[in-house]
Amino acid sequence: MAAPTRMAGQRSDAREAYEHSEGPVARSIEHYTAQLPSDTFLWAAGASILGSLTLMATGNRHGALFVGQWAPTFLLLGIYNKIVKVAGSDRVHAS
């Protein structure tokens, strides 16, 4: 299979990268969160599950459901963190 060719009128890679670059807030957040170990988010998810089980055992059903819903959020943040570490997030402001 042949490599795709650039069509007439298609934007250059530099211009496209600039138009899709991250803002200063996202760059700042990603700079600091990329320094966290990946297992931080796994531990946070596990702690929320254990906290939820503890609350359920003590009869606080609403609290258990609330805290238990944090686990998927922590895991998703961990995935985002890993993607930023591996692939980077911004081609324009890469250091």
PDB file of N, CA and C in Angstrom:
ATOM      1  N   MET A   1       0.851  -1.170   0.000  1.00  0.00           N
ATOM      2  CA  MET A   1       0.000   0.000   0.000  1.00  0.00           C
ATOM      3  C   MET A   1       0.896   1.232   0.000  1.00  0.00           C
ATOM      4  N   ALA A   2       0.595   2.155  -0.866  1.00  0.00           N
ATOM      5  CA  ALA A   2       1.405   3.365  -0.994  1.00  0.00           C
ATOM      6  C   ALA A   2       1.091   4.331   0.138  1.00  0.00           C
ATOM      7  N   ALA A   3       2.077   5.142   0.493  1.00  0.00           N
ATOM      8  CA  ALA A   3       1.881   6.149   1.536  1.00  0.00           C
ATOM      9  C   ALA A   3       0.921   7.214   1.033  1.00  0.00           C
ATOM     10  N   PRO A   4       0.064   7.744   1.900  1.00  0.00           N
ATOM     11  CA  PRO A   4      -0.876   8.776   1.467  1.00  0.00           C
ATOM     12  C   PRO A   4      -0.129  10.041   1.052  1.00  0.00           C
ATOM     13  N   THR A   5      -0.642  10.675   0.027  1.00  0.00           N
ATOM     14  CA  THR A   5      -0.026  11.911  -0.455  1.00  0.00           C
ATOM     15  C   THR A   5      -0.789  13.100   0.079  1.00  0.00           C
ATOM     16  N   ARG A   6      -0.094  14.218   0.185  1.00  0.00           N
ATOM     17  CA  ARG A   6      -0.705  15.450   0.683  1.00  0.00           C
ATOM     18  C   ARG A   6      -1.589  16.036  -0.412  1.00  0.00           C
ATOM     19  N   MET A   7      -2.815  16.311  -0.073  1.00  0.00           N
ATOM     20  CA  MET A   7      -3.765  16.874  -1.028  1.00  0.00           C
ATOM     21  C   MET A   7      -3.558  18.378  -1.127  1.00  0.00           C
ATOM     22  N   ALA A   8      -3.885  18.929  -2.284  1.00  0.00           N
ATOM     23  CA  ALA A   8      -3.768  20.375  -2.488  1.00  0.00           C
ATOM     24  C   ALA A   8      -4.690  21.087  -1.511  1.00  0.00           C
ATOM     25  N   GLY A   9      -4.222  22.153  -0.900  1.00  0.00           N
ATOM     26  CA  GLY A   9      -5.037  22.925   0.025  1.00  0.00           C
ATOM     27  C   GLY A   9      -4.983  22.425   1.455  1.00  0.00           C
ATOM     28  N   GLN A  10      -4.325  21.296   1.685  1.00  0.00           N
ATOM     29  CA  GLN A  10      -4.234  20.783   3.054  1.00  0.00           C
ATOM     30  C   GLN A  10      -3.212  21.605   3.836  1.00  0.00           C
ATOM     31  N   ARG A  11      -3.483  21.839   5.108  1.00  0.00           N
ATOM     32  CA  ARG A  11      -2.608  22.677   5.932  1.00  0.00           C
ATOM     33  C   ARG A  11      -1.269  22.005   6.194  1.00  0.00           C
ATOM     34  N   SER A  12      -0.280  22.822   6.423  1.00  0.00           N
ATOM     35  CA  SER A  12       1.033  22.277   6.772  1.00  0.00           C
ATOM     36  C   SER A  12       0.982  21.720   8.187  1.00  0.00           C
ATOM     37  N   ASP A  13       1.908  20.809   8.488  1.00  0.00           N
ATOM     38  CA  ASP A  13       1.951  20.202   9.819  1.00  0.00           C
ATOM     39  C   ASP A  13       2.190  21.244  10.903  1.00  0.00           C
ATOM     40  N   ALA A  14       3.045  22.233  10.636  1.00  0.00           N
ATOM     41  CA  ALA A  14       3.347  23.258  11.639  1.00  0.00           C
ATOM     42  C   ALA A  14       2.119  24.090  11.957  1.00  0.00           C
ATOM     43  N   ARG A  15       1.378  24.462  10.943  1.00  0.00           N
ATOM     44  CA  ARG A  15       0.177  25.273  11.181  1.00  0.00           C
ATOM     45  C   ARG A  15      -0.877  24.463  11.934  1.00  0.00           C
ATOM     46  N   GLU A  16      -1.049  23.219  11.535  1.00  0.00           N
ATOM     47  CA  GLU A  16      -2.030  22.363  12.215  1.00  0.00           C
ATOM     48  C   GLU A  16      -1.639  22.154  13.679  1.00  0.00           C
ATOM     49  N   ALA A  17      -0.349  21.935  13.929  1.00  0.00           N
ATOM     50  CA  ALA A  17       0.121  21.758  15.304  1.00  0.00           C
ATOM     51  C   ALA A  17      -0.141  23.012  16.125  1.00  0.00           C
ATOM     52  N   TYR A  18       0.083  24.171  15.543  1.00  0.00           N
ATOM     53  CA  TYR A  18      -0.139  25.422  16.263  1.00  0.00           C
ATOM     54  C   TYR A  18      -1.621  25.609  16.579  1.00  0.00           C
ATOM     55  N   GLU A  19      -2.491  25.298  15.634  1.00  0.00           N
ATOM     56  CA  GLU A  19      -3.931  25.477  15.847  1.00  0.00           C
ATOM     57  C   GLU A  19      -4.481  24.507  16.885  1.00  0.00           C
ATOM     58  N   HIS A  20      -3.813  23.379  17.082  1.00  0.00           N
ATOM     59  CA  HIS A  20      -4.273  22.389  18.052  1.00  0.00           C
ATOM     60  C   HIS A  20      -3.381  22.331  19.285  1.00  0.00           C
ATOM     61  N   SER A  21      -2.654  23.394  19.543  1.00  0.00           N
ATOM     62  CA  SER A  21      -1.753  23.396  20.694  1.00  0.00           C
ATOM     63  C   SER A  21      -2.538  23.590  21.994  1.00  0.00           C
ATOM     64  N   GLU A  22      -1.917  23.143  23.075  1.00  0.00           N
ATOM     65  CA  GLU A  22      -2.532  23.248  24.393  1.00  0.00           C
ATOM     66  C   GLU A  22      -2.435  24.675  24.921  1.00  0.00           C
ATOM     67  N   GLY A  23      -3.382  25.024  25.765  1.00  0.00           N
ATOM     68  CA  GLY A  23      -3.365  26.327  26.415  1.00  0.00           C
ATOM     69  C   GLY A  23      -2.418  26.312  27.601  1.00  0.00           C
ATOM     70  N   PRO A  24      -2.167  27.471  28.188  1.00  0.00           N
ATOM     71  CA  PRO A  24      -1.206  27.539  29.292  1.00  0.00           C
ATOM     72  C   PRO A  24      -1.654  26.766  30.536  1.00  0.00           C
ATOM     73  N   VAL A  25      -2.944  26.700  30.788  1.00  0.00           N
ATOM     74  CA  VAL A  25      -3.426  25.976  31.975  1.00  0.00           C
ATOM     75  C   VAL A  25      -3.185  24.479  31.801  1.00  0.00           C
ATOM     76  N   ALA A  26      -3.548  23.935  30.646  1.00  0.00           N
ATOM     77  CA  ALA A  26      -3.352  22.504  30.390  1.00  0.00           C
ATOM     78  C   ALA A  26      -1.870  22.147  30.413  1.00  0.00           C
ATOM     79  N   ARG A  27      -1.035  22.986  29.818  1.00  0.00           N
ATOM     80  CA  ARG A  27       0.412  22.726  29.828  1.00  0.00           C
ATOM     81  C   ARG A  27       0.947  22.702  31.253  1.00  0.00           C
ATOM     82  N   SER A  28       0.495  23.631  32.078  1.00  0.00           N
ATOM     83  CA  SER A  28       0.956  23.703  33.461  1.00  0.00           C
ATOM     84  C   SER A  28       0.516  22.468  34.251  1.00  0.00           C
ATOM     85  N   ILE A  29      -0.736  22.083  34.114  1.00  0.00           N
ATOM     86  CA  ILE A  29      -1.250  20.904  34.821  1.00  0.00           C
ATOM     87  C   ILE A  29      -0.491  19.660  34.379  1.00  0.00           C
ATOM     88  N   GLU A  30      -0.306  19.500  33.075  1.00  0.00           N
ATOM     89  CA  GLU A  30       0.371  18.318  32.557  1.00  0.00           C
ATOM     90  C   GLU A  30       1.835  18.278  32.978  1.00  0.00           C
ATOM     91  N   HIS A  31       2.442  19.439  33.107  1.00  0.00           N
ATOM     92  CA  HIS A  31       3.842  19.486  33.551  1.00  0.00           C
ATOM     93  C   HIS A  31       3.981  18.892  34.950  1.00  0.00           C
ATOM     94  N   TYR A  32       3.078  19.249  35.844  1.00  0.00           N
ATOM     95  CA  TYR A  32       3.164  18.771  37.223  1.00  0.00           C
ATOM     96  C   TYR A  32       2.634  17.351  37.388  1.00  0.00           C
ATOM     97  N   THR A  33       1.543  16.998  36.707  1.00  0.00           N
ATOM     98  CA  THR A  33       1.001  15.646  36.867  1.00  0.00           C
ATOM     99  C   THR A  33       1.885  14.598  36.216  1.00  0.00           C
ATOM    100  N   ALA A  34       2.644  14.971  35.191  1.00  0.00           N
ATOM    101  CA  ALA A  34       3.549  14.013  34.559  1.00  0.00           C
ATOM    102  C   ALA A  34       4.669  13.608  35.510  1.00  0.00           C
ATOM    103  N   GLN A  35       4.894  14.379  36.555  1.00  0.00           N
ATOM    104  CA  GLN A  35       5.928  14.041  37.531  1.00  0.00           C
ATOM    105  C   GLN A  35       5.443  13.016  38.557  1.00  0.00           C
ATOM    106  N   LEU A  36       4.127  12.773  38.612  1.00  0.00           N
ATOM    107  CA  LEU A  36       3.585  11.786  39.549  1.00  0.00           C
ATOM    108  C   LEU A  36       3.841  10.375  39.038  1.00  0.00           C
ATOM    109  N   PRO A  37       4.182   9.446  39.915  1.00  0.00           N
ATOM    110  CA  PRO A  37       4.295   8.050  39.481  1.00  0.00           C
ATOM    111  C   PRO A  37       2.925   7.531  39.045  1.00  0.00           C
ATOM    112  N   SER A  38       2.912   6.667  38.049  1.00  0.00           N
ATOM    113  CA  SER A  38       1.649   6.153  37.521  1.00  0.00           C
ATOM    114  C   SER A  38       0.853   5.374  38.553  1.00  0.00           C
ATOM    115  N   ASP A  39       1.540   4.706  39.477  1.00  0.00           N
ATOM    116  CA  ASP A  39       0.796   3.906  40.447  1.00  0.00           C
ATOM    117  C   ASP A  39       0.082   4.750  41.490  1.00  0.00           C
ATOM    118  N   THR A  40       0.341   6.052  41.524  1.00  0.00           N
ATOM    119  CA  THR A  40      -0.388   6.949  42.429  1.00  0.00           C
ATOM    120  C   THR A  40      -1.882   6.856  42.171  1.00  0.00           C
ATOM    121  N   PHE A  41      -2.254   6.820  40.897  1.00  0.00           N
ATOM    122  CA  PHE A  41      -3.672   6.776  40.537  1.00  0.00           C
ATOM    123  C   PHE A  41      -4.275   5.405  40.838  1.00  0.00           C
ATOM    124  N   LEU A  42      -3.484   4.345  40.703  1.00  0.00           N
ATOM    125  CA  LEU A  42      -3.977   3.012  41.069  1.00  0.00           C
ATOM    126  C   LEU A  42      -4.228   2.918  42.567  1.00  0.00           C
ATOM    127  N   TRP A  43      -3.306   3.461  43.353  1.00  0.00           N
ATOM    128  CA  TRP A  43      -3.484   3.457  44.810  1.00  0.00           C
ATOM    129  C   TRP A  43      -4.695   4.291  45.211  1.00  0.00           C
ATOM    130  N   ALA A  44      -4.898   5.427  44.550  1.00  0.00           N
ATOM    131  CA  ALA A  44      -6.058   6.273  44.863  1.00  0.00           C
ATOM    132  C   ALA A  44      -7.358   5.543  44.545  1.00  0.00           C
ATOM    133  N   ALA A  45      -7.384   4.829  43.415  1.00  0.00           N
ATOM    134  CA  ALA A  45      -8.587   4.063  43.055  1.00  0.00           C
ATOM    135  C   ALA A  45      -8.830   2.949  44.067  1.00  0.00           C
ATOM    136  N   GLY A  46      -7.778   2.246  44.448  1.00  0.00           N
ATOM    137  CA  GLY A  46      -7.922   1.183  45.449  1.00  0.00           C
ATOM    138  C   GLY A  46      -8.386   1.718  46.786  1.00  0.00           C
ATOM    139  N   ALA A  47      -7.853   2.880  47.174  1.00  0.00           N
ATOM    140  CA  ALA A  47      -8.266   3.487  48.445  1.00  0.00           C
ATOM    141  C   ALA A  47      -9.733   3.892  48.407  1.00  0.00           C
ATOM    142  N   SER A  48     -10.193   4.381  47.267  1.00  0.00           N
ATOM    143  CA  SER A  48     -11.606   4.766  47.183  1.00  0.00           C
ATOM    144  C   SER A  48     -12.511   3.537  47.240  1.00  0.00           C
ATOM    145  N   ILE A  49     -12.060   2.433  46.675  1.00  0.00           N
ATOM    146  CA  ILE A  49     -12.842   1.194  46.758  1.00  0.00           C
ATOM    147  C   ILE A  49     -12.895   0.701  48.200  1.00  0.00           C
ATOM    148  N   LEU A  50     -11.754   0.696  48.870  1.00  0.00           N
ATOM    149  CA  LEU A  50     -11.733   0.273  50.274  1.00  0.00           C
ATOM    150  C   LEU A  50     -12.546   1.216  51.154  1.00  0.00           C
ATOM    151  N   GLY A  51     -12.445   2.508  50.889  1.00  0.00           N
ATOM    152  CA  GLY A  51     -13.248   3.475  51.634  1.00  0.00           C
ATOM    153  C   GLY A  51     -14.729   3.241  51.429  1.00  0.00           C
ATOM    154  N   SER A  52     -15.093   2.924  50.186  1.00  0.00           N
ATOM    155  CA  SER A  52     -16.494   2.643  49.881  1.00  0.00           C
ATOM    156  C   SER A  52     -16.975   1.391  50.619  1.00  0.00           C
ATOM    157  N   LEU A  53     -16.142   0.366  50.622  1.00  0.00           N
ATOM    158  CA  LEU A  53     -16.515  -0.861  51.344  1.00  0.00           C
ATOM    159  C   LEU A  53     -16.663  -0.605  52.842  1.00  0.00           C
ATOM    160  N   THR A  54     -15.779   0.203  53.378  1.00  0.00           N
ATOM    161  CA  THR A  54     -15.844   0.541  54.802  1.00  0.00           C
ATOM    162  C   THR A  54     -17.123   1.305  55.120  1.00  0.00           C
ATOM    163  N   LEU A  55     -17.441   2.279  54.295  1.00  0.00           N
ATOM    164  CA  LEU A  55     -18.668   3.049  54.512  1.00  0.00           C
ATOM    165  C   LEU A  55     -19.910   2.166  54.386  1.00  0.00           C
ATOM    166  N   MET A  56     -19.884   1.244  53.413  1.00  0.00           N
ATOM    167  CA  MET A  56     -21.024   0.343  53.244  1.00  0.00           C
ATOM    168  C   MET A  56     -21.172  -0.563  54.465  1.00  0.00           C
ATOM    169  N   ALA A  57     -20.047  -1.035  55.004  1.00  0.00           N
ATOM    170  CA  ALA A  57     -20.083  -1.922  56.179  1.00  0.00           C
ATOM    171  C   ALA A  57     -20.599  -1.195  57.414  1.00  0.00           C
ATOM    172  N   THR A  58     -20.363   0.112  57.485  1.00  0.00           N
ATOM    173  CA  THR A  58     -20.840   0.880  58.639  1.00  0.00           C
ATOM    174  C   THR A  58     -22.265   1.399  58.445  1.00  0.00           C
ATOM    175  N   GLY A  59     -22.868   1.063  57.308  1.00  0.00           N
ATOM    176  CA  GLY A  59     -24.262   1.435  57.077  1.00  0.00           C
ATOM    177  C   GLY A  59     -24.465   2.760  56.364  1.00  0.00           C
ATOM    178  N   ASN A  60     -23.415   3.412  55.954  1.00  0.00           N
ATOM    179  CA  ASN A  60     -23.538   4.690  55.253  1.00  0.00           C
ATOM    180  C   ASN A  60     -23.592   4.417  53.745  1.00  0.00           C
ATOM    181  N   ARG A  61     -24.756   4.006  53.257  1.00  0.00           N
ATOM    182  CA  ARG A  61     -24.900   3.590  51.865  1.00  0.00           C
ATOM    183  C   ARG A  61     -24.641   4.735  50.891  1.00  0.00           C
ATOM    184  N   HIS A  62     -25.182   5.899  51.158  1.00  0.00           N
ATOM    185  CA  HIS A  62     -25.012   7.035  50.240  1.00  0.00           C
ATOM    186  C   HIS A  62     -23.544   7.471  50.167  1.00  0.00           C
ATOM    187  N   GLY A  63     -22.877   7.505  51.304  1.00  0.00           N
ATOM    188  CA  GLY A  63     -21.451   7.832  51.317  1.00  0.00           C
ATOM    189  C   GLY A  63     -20.636   6.789  50.570  1.00  0.00           C
ATOM    190  N   ALA A  64     -21.010   5.519  50.728  1.00  0.00           N
ATOM    191  CA  ALA A  64     -20.297   4.432  50.055  1.00  0.00           C
ATOM    192  C   ALA A  64     -20.429   4.562  48.541  1.00  0.00           C
ATOM    193  N   LEU A  65     -21.621   4.877  48.078  1.00  0.00           N
ATOM    194  CA  LEU A  65     -21.825   5.045  46.630  1.00  0.00           C
ATOM    195  C   LEU A  65     -21.051   6.254  46.105  1.00  0.00           C
ATOM    196  N   PHE A  66     -21.051   7.323  46.874  1.00  0.00           N
ATOM    197  CA  PHE A  66     -20.331   8.528  46.468  1.00  0.00           C
ATOM    198  C   PHE A  66     -18.828   8.264  46.349  1.00  0.00           C
ATOM    199  N   VAL A  67     -18.248   7.684  47.379  1.00  0.00           N
ATOM    200  CA  VAL A  67     -16.809   7.429  47.389  1.00  0.00           C
ATOM    201  C   VAL A  67     -16.448   6.344  46.369  1.00  0.00           C
ATOM    202  N   GLY A  68     -17.302   5.364  46.193  1.00  0.00           N
ATOM    203  CA  GLY A  68     -17.037   4.293  45.232  1.00  0.00           C
ATOM    204  C   GLY A  68     -16.981   4.784  43.792  1.00  0.00           C
ATOM    205  N   GLN A  69     -17.654   5.882  43.510  1.00  0.00           N
ATOM    206  CA  GLN A  69     -17.637   6.427  42.143  1.00  0.00           C
ATOM    207  C   GLN A  69     -16.347   7.181  41.842  1.00  0.00           C
ATOM    208  N   TRP A  70     -15.483   7.359  42.805  1.00  0.00           N
ATOM    209  CA  TRP A  70     -14.206   8.025  42.552  1.00  0.00           C
ATOM    210  C   TRP A  70     -13.228   7.110  41.823  1.00  0.00           C
ATOM    211  N   ALA A  71     -13.334   5.794  42.034  1.00  0.00           N
ATOM    212  CA  ALA A  71     -12.369   4.847  41.464  1.00  0.00           C
ATOM    213  C   ALA A  71     -12.230   4.984  39.943  1.00  0.00           C
ATOM    214  N   PRO A  72     -13.319   4.990  39.172  1.00  0.00           N
ATOM    215  CA  PRO A  72     -13.147   5.133  37.724  1.00  0.00           C
ATOM    216  C   PRO A  72     -12.509   6.465  37.333  1.00  0.00           C
ATOM    217  N   THR A  73     -12.799   7.502  38.097  1.00  0.00           N
ATOM    218  CA  THR A  73     -12.205   8.810  37.809  1.00  0.00           C
ATOM    219  C   THR A  73     -10.703   8.767  38.012  1.00  0.00           C
ATOM    220  N   PHE A  74     -10.255   8.168  39.114  1.00  0.00           N
ATOM    221  CA  PHE A  74      -8.815   8.048  39.360  1.00  0.00           C
ATOM    222  C   PHE A  74      -8.141   7.213  38.270  1.00  0.00           C
ATOM    223  N   LEU A  75      -8.785   6.126  37.856  1.00  0.00           N
ATOM    224  CA  LEU A  75      -8.202   5.278  36.817  1.00  0.00           C
ATOM    225  C   LEU A  75      -8.122   6.024  35.486  1.00  0.00           C
ATOM    226  N   LEU A  76      -9.133   6.819  35.172  1.00  0.00           N
ATOM    227  CA  LEU A  76      -9.106   7.607  33.941  1.00  0.00           C
ATOM    228  C   LEU A  76      -8.021   8.675  33.987  1.00  0.00           C
ATOM    229  N   LEU A  77      -7.850   9.298  35.133  1.00  0.00           N
ATOM    230  CA  LEU A  77      -6.763  10.267  35.286  1.00  0.00           C
ATOM    231  C   LEU A  77      -5.405   9.582  35.122  1.00  0.00           C
ATOM    232  N   GLY A  78      -5.295   8.351  35.601  1.00  0.00           N
ATOM    233  CA  GLY A  78      -4.062   7.590  35.428  1.00  0.00           C
ATOM    234  C   GLY A  78      -3.779   7.289  33.964  1.00  0.00           C
ATOM    235  N   ILE A  79      -4.815   6.968  33.203  1.00  0.00           N
ATOM    236  CA  ILE A  79      -4.647   6.734  31.767  1.00  0.00           C
ATOM    237  C   ILE A  79      -4.206   8.012  31.070  1.00  0.00           C
ATOM    238  N   TYR A  80      -4.838   9.106  31.399  1.00  0.00           N
ATOM    239  CA  TYR A  80      -4.460  10.396  30.810  1.00  0.00           C
ATOM    240  C   TYR A  80      -3.014  10.736  31.154  1.00  0.00           C
ATOM    241  N   ASN A  81      -2.644  10.516  32.412  1.00  0.00           N
ATOM    242  CA  ASN A  81      -1.282  10.781  32.860  1.00  0.00           C
ATOM    243  C   ASN A  81      -0.284   9.943  32.059  1.00  0.00           C
ATOM    244  N   LYS A  82      -0.602   8.677  31.848  1.00  0.00           N
ATOM    245  CA  LYS A  82       0.299   7.788  31.106  1.00  0.00           C
ATOM    246  C   LYS A  82       0.422   8.234  29.650  1.00  0.00           C
ATOM    247  N   ILE A  83      -0.673   8.641  29.036  1.00  0.00           N
ATOM    248  CA  ILE A  83      -0.629   9.111  27.651  1.00  0.00           C
ATOM    249  C   ILE A  83       0.241  10.352  27.538  1.00  0.00           C
ATOM    250  N   VAL A  84       0.097  11.278  28.465  1.00  0.00           N
ATOM    251  CA  VAL A  84       0.910  12.497  28.438  1.00  0.00           C
ATOM    252  C   VAL A  84       2.386  12.144  28.611  1.00  0.00           C
ATOM    253  N   LYS A  85       2.691  11.192  29.479  1.00  0.00           N
ATOM    254  CA  LYS A  85       4.084  10.806  29.690  1.00  0.00           C
ATOM    255  C   LYS A  85       4.677  10.139  28.453  1.00  0.00           C
ATOM    256  N   VAL A  86       3.925   9.265  27.827  1.00  0.00           N
ATOM    257  CA  VAL A  86       4.443   8.472  26.715  1.00  0.00           C
ATOM    258  C   VAL A  86       4.428   9.241  25.401  1.00  0.00           C
ATOM    259  N   ALA A  87       3.298   9.871  25.090  1.00  0.00           N
ATOM    260  CA  ALA A  87       3.144  10.498  23.778  1.00  0.00           C
ATOM    261  C   ALA A  87       3.313  11.999  23.799  1.00  0.00           C
ATOM    262  N   GLY A  88       3.324  12.613  24.958  1.00  0.00           N
ATOM    263  CA  GLY A  88       3.350  14.068  25.001  1.00  0.00           C
ATOM    264  C   GLY A  88       1.978  14.606  24.662  1.00  0.00           C
ATOM    265  N   SER A  89       1.794  15.881  24.837  1.00  0.00           N
ATOM    266  CA  SER A  89       0.465  16.412  24.597  1.00  0.00           C
ATOM    267  C   SER A  89       0.464  17.582  23.637  1.00  0.00           C
ATOM    268  N   ASP A  90       1.626  18.119  23.341  1.00  0.00           N
ATOM    269  CA  ASP A  90       1.643  19.339  22.554  1.00  0.00           C
ATOM    270  C   ASP A  90       2.876  19.379  21.675  1.00  0.00           C
ATOM    271  N   ARG A  91       2.665  19.367  20.366  1.00  0.00           N
ATOM    272  CA  ARG A  91       3.803  19.365  19.432  1.00  0.00           C
ATOM    273  C   ARG A  91       4.457  20.724  19.316  1.00  0.00           C
ATOM    274  N   VAL A  92       3.731  21.790  19.623  1.00  0.00           N
ATOM    275  CA  VAL A  92       4.270  23.146  19.472  1.00  0.00           C
ATOM    276  C   VAL A  92       5.175  23.509  20.633  1.00  0.00           C
ATOM    277  N   HIS A  93       4.726  23.250  21.858  1.00  0.00           N
ATOM    278  CA  HIS A  93       5.454  23.678  23.051  1.00  0.00           C
ATOM    279  C   HIS A  93       6.274  22.552  23.672  1.00  0.00           C
ATOM    280  N   ALA A  94       6.589  21.523  22.915  1.00  0.00           N
ATOM    281  CA  ALA A  94       7.377  20.408  23.461  1.00  0.00           C
ATOM    282  C   ALA A  94       8.757  20.914  23.848  1.00  0.00           C
ATOM    283  N   SER A  95       9.230  20.426  24.991  1.00  0.00           N
ATOM    284  CA  SER A  95      10.542  20.891  25.450  1.00  0.00           C
ATOM    285  C   SER A  95      11.596  19.841  25.270  1.00  0.00           C
TER     286      SER A  95
END
